[in-house]
């Protein structure tokens, strides 16, 4: 059976991360480790929720390393 991939459009992705859409776009532009958008159509794009979650986990792990 095929695995379902959930795609979050910009507003939903920003909400998922707890930031504004402008912060989401800034992170995409300025952070090389931030997940890249997926083109869904001529005027639509989004992020894989699994990629966003993995990025959040990585950020949290790095924060724990710095605090230790």
N, C-alpha and C. Protein backbone atom coordinates (compact mmCIF):
# COMPACT_ATOMS: atom_id res chain seq x y z
N UNK A 1 0.85 -1.19 0.00
CA UNK A 1 0.00 0.00 0.00
C UNK A 1 0.89 1.25 0.00
N UNK A 2 0.54 2.26 -0.76
CA UNK A 2 1.33 3.48 -0.87
C UNK A 2 1.20 4.32 0.40
N UNK A 3 2.31 4.95 0.76
CA UNK A 3 2.33 5.82 1.93
C UNK A 3 1.76 7.18 1.54
N UNK A 4 0.92 7.74 2.39
CA UNK A 4 0.32 9.04 2.13
C UNK A 4 1.25 10.14 2.63
N UNK A 5 1.52 11.12 1.80
CA UNK A 5 2.34 12.26 2.17
C UNK A 5 1.44 13.47 2.36
N UNK A 6 1.50 14.04 3.54
CA UNK A 6 0.71 15.23 3.82
C UNK A 6 1.52 16.46 3.43
N UNK A 7 0.91 17.31 2.64
CA UNK A 7 1.54 18.56 2.21
C UNK A 7 0.82 19.72 2.89
N UNK A 8 1.60 20.61 3.48
CA UNK A 8 1.03 21.80 4.13
C UNK A 8 1.30 23.00 3.24
N UNK A 9 0.25 23.70 2.88
CA UNK A 9 0.39 24.95 2.14
C UNK A 9 1.03 25.98 3.07
N UNK A 10 1.50 27.12 2.56
CA UNK A 10 2.27 28.06 3.38
C UNK A 10 1.61 28.46 4.70
N UNK A 11 0.35 28.82 4.67
CA UNK A 11 -0.31 29.25 5.91
C UNK A 11 -0.36 28.11 6.92
N UNK A 12 -0.69 26.91 6.46
CA UNK A 12 -0.75 25.75 7.34
C UNK A 12 0.65 25.36 7.85
N UNK A 13 1.65 25.47 6.99
CA UNK A 13 3.02 25.15 7.39
C UNK A 13 3.50 26.12 8.46
N UNK A 14 3.24 27.40 8.26
CA UNK A 14 3.62 28.40 9.26
C UNK A 14 2.90 28.13 10.58
N UNK A 15 1.64 27.83 10.50
CA UNK A 15 0.87 27.52 11.70
C UNK A 15 1.43 26.28 12.40
N UNK A 16 1.79 25.27 11.63
CA UNK A 16 2.36 24.03 12.16
C UNK A 16 3.66 24.32 12.93
N UNK A 17 4.45 25.27 12.42
CA UNK A 17 5.72 25.62 13.05
C UNK A 17 5.56 26.68 14.14
N UNK A 18 4.40 27.31 14.19
CA UNK A 18 4.15 28.34 15.20
C UNK A 18 4.79 29.67 14.87
N UNK A 19 4.91 29.96 13.57
CA UNK A 19 5.52 31.22 13.12
C UNK A 19 4.61 31.87 12.07
N UNK A 20 4.97 33.09 11.69
CA UNK A 20 4.22 33.77 10.64
C UNK A 20 4.68 33.26 9.27
N UNK A 21 3.87 33.53 8.26
CA UNK A 21 4.27 33.11 6.91
C UNK A 21 5.53 33.85 6.45
N UNK A 22 5.70 35.11 6.88
CA UNK A 22 6.91 35.84 6.49
C UNK A 22 8.15 35.20 7.11
N UNK A 23 8.04 34.71 8.35
CA UNK A 23 9.15 34.00 8.98
C UNK A 23 9.43 32.70 8.25
N UNK A 24 8.39 31.99 7.87
CA UNK A 24 8.54 30.74 7.11
C UNK A 24 9.34 30.99 5.83
N UNK A 25 8.97 32.01 5.07
CA UNK A 25 9.67 32.32 3.82
C UNK A 25 11.10 32.80 4.09
N UNK A 26 11.31 33.55 5.17
CA UNK A 26 12.65 34.01 5.52
C UNK A 26 13.54 32.81 5.87
N UNK A 27 13.02 31.86 6.66
CA UNK A 27 13.80 30.67 7.00
C UNK A 27 14.16 29.90 5.74
N UNK A 28 13.22 29.80 4.81
CA UNK A 28 13.48 29.07 3.57
C UNK A 28 14.61 29.76 2.79
N UNK A 29 14.59 31.07 2.81
CA UNK A 29 15.58 31.86 2.06
C UNK A 29 16.95 31.86 2.75
N UNK A 30 16.98 31.94 4.09
CA UNK A 30 18.22 32.18 4.82
C UNK A 30 18.84 30.94 5.46
N UNK A 31 18.06 29.89 5.67
CA UNK A 31 18.58 28.71 6.35
C UNK A 31 18.75 27.57 5.36
N UNK A 32 19.99 27.19 5.08
CA UNK A 32 20.21 26.12 4.10
C UNK A 32 19.67 24.77 4.55
N UNK A 33 19.48 24.58 5.86
CA UNK A 33 18.99 23.29 6.35
C UNK A 33 17.46 23.22 6.40
N UNK A 34 16.78 24.33 6.08
CA UNK A 34 15.32 24.34 6.13
C UNK A 34 14.76 23.58 4.93
N UNK A 35 13.70 22.80 5.14
CA UNK A 35 13.12 22.02 4.02
C UNK A 35 12.69 22.92 2.86
N UNK A 36 12.84 22.40 1.67
CA UNK A 36 12.45 23.11 0.45
C UNK A 36 10.99 22.86 0.13
N UNK A 37 10.39 23.86 -0.48
CA UNK A 37 9.00 23.74 -0.93
C UNK A 37 8.88 22.76 -2.09
N UNK A 38 7.71 22.20 -2.21
CA UNK A 38 7.38 21.30 -3.32
C UNK A 38 6.38 22.04 -4.20
N UNK A 39 6.65 22.08 -5.47
CA UNK A 39 5.74 22.72 -6.43
C UNK A 39 4.56 21.79 -6.67
N UNK A 40 3.37 22.28 -6.42
CA UNK A 40 2.15 21.49 -6.60
C UNK A 40 1.43 21.81 -7.89
N UNK A 41 1.69 22.97 -8.42
CA UNK A 41 1.06 23.42 -9.65
C UNK A 41 1.63 24.77 -10.03
N UNK A 42 1.07 25.41 -11.04
CA UNK A 42 1.61 26.69 -11.50
C UNK A 42 1.61 27.77 -10.42
N UNK A 43 0.62 27.75 -9.54
CA UNK A 43 0.52 28.78 -8.52
C UNK A 43 0.36 28.20 -7.12
N UNK A 44 0.81 26.98 -6.92
CA UNK A 44 0.64 26.33 -5.62
C UNK A 44 1.90 25.58 -5.22
N UNK A 45 2.25 25.72 -3.95
CA UNK A 45 3.39 24.99 -3.41
C UNK A 45 3.12 24.69 -1.95
N UNK A 46 3.95 23.83 -1.40
CA UNK A 46 3.79 23.48 0.00
C UNK A 46 4.98 22.69 0.50
N UNK A 47 4.94 22.33 1.76
CA UNK A 47 6.01 21.58 2.40
C UNK A 47 5.47 20.24 2.88
N UNK A 48 6.29 19.19 2.81
CA UNK A 48 5.93 17.91 3.40
C UNK A 48 5.94 18.09 4.91
N UNK A 49 4.85 17.74 5.56
CA UNK A 49 4.76 17.88 7.01
C UNK A 49 5.85 17.04 7.68
N UNK A 50 6.13 15.86 7.15
CA UNK A 50 7.19 15.01 7.72
C UNK A 50 8.55 15.72 7.67
N UNK A 51 8.82 16.46 6.59
CA UNK A 51 10.08 17.21 6.49
C UNK A 51 10.14 18.32 7.53
N UNK A 52 9.02 19.02 7.72
CA UNK A 52 8.96 20.08 8.74
C UNK A 52 9.17 19.50 10.13
N UNK A 53 8.53 18.36 10.41
CA UNK A 53 8.68 17.72 11.72
C UNK A 53 10.11 17.26 11.96
N UNK A 54 10.74 16.71 10.93
CA UNK A 54 12.14 16.27 11.05
C UNK A 54 13.05 17.46 11.32
N UNK A 55 12.79 18.57 10.65
CA UNK A 55 13.59 19.78 10.85
C UNK A 55 13.42 20.29 12.28
N UNK A 56 12.17 20.28 12.78
CA UNK A 56 11.92 20.71 14.15
C UNK A 56 12.66 19.82 15.15
N UNK A 57 12.64 18.52 14.92
CA UNK A 57 13.35 17.58 15.80
C UNK A 57 14.85 17.88 15.80
N UNK A 58 15.39 18.16 14.63
CA UNK A 58 16.82 18.47 14.52
C UNK A 58 17.15 19.75 15.30
N UNK A 59 16.29 20.75 15.18
CA UNK A 59 16.51 22.00 15.90
C UNK A 59 16.46 21.77 17.41
N UNK A 60 15.50 20.96 17.86
CA UNK A 60 15.36 20.66 19.29
C UNK A 60 16.59 19.89 19.79
N UNK A 61 17.06 18.94 19.01
CA UNK A 61 18.24 18.16 19.41
C UNK A 61 19.47 19.06 19.51
N UNK A 62 19.63 19.96 18.57
CA UNK A 62 20.76 20.88 18.62
C UNK A 62 20.65 21.80 19.83
N UNK A 63 19.44 22.19 20.18
CA UNK A 63 19.24 23.02 21.37
C UNK A 63 19.61 22.28 22.64
N UNK A 64 19.29 20.99 22.69
CA UNK A 64 19.64 20.19 23.87
C UNK A 64 21.15 20.03 23.96
N UNK A 65 21.83 19.89 22.82
CA UNK A 65 23.29 19.75 22.82
C UNK A 65 23.96 21.02 23.33
N UNK A 66 23.44 22.17 22.92
CA UNK A 66 24.02 23.44 23.35
C UNK A 66 23.81 23.63 24.85
N UNK A 67 22.65 23.22 25.36
CA UNK A 67 22.33 23.41 26.77
C UNK A 67 23.11 22.45 27.66
N UNK A 68 23.57 21.34 27.13
CA UNK A 68 24.28 20.33 27.94
C UNK A 68 25.69 20.75 28.28
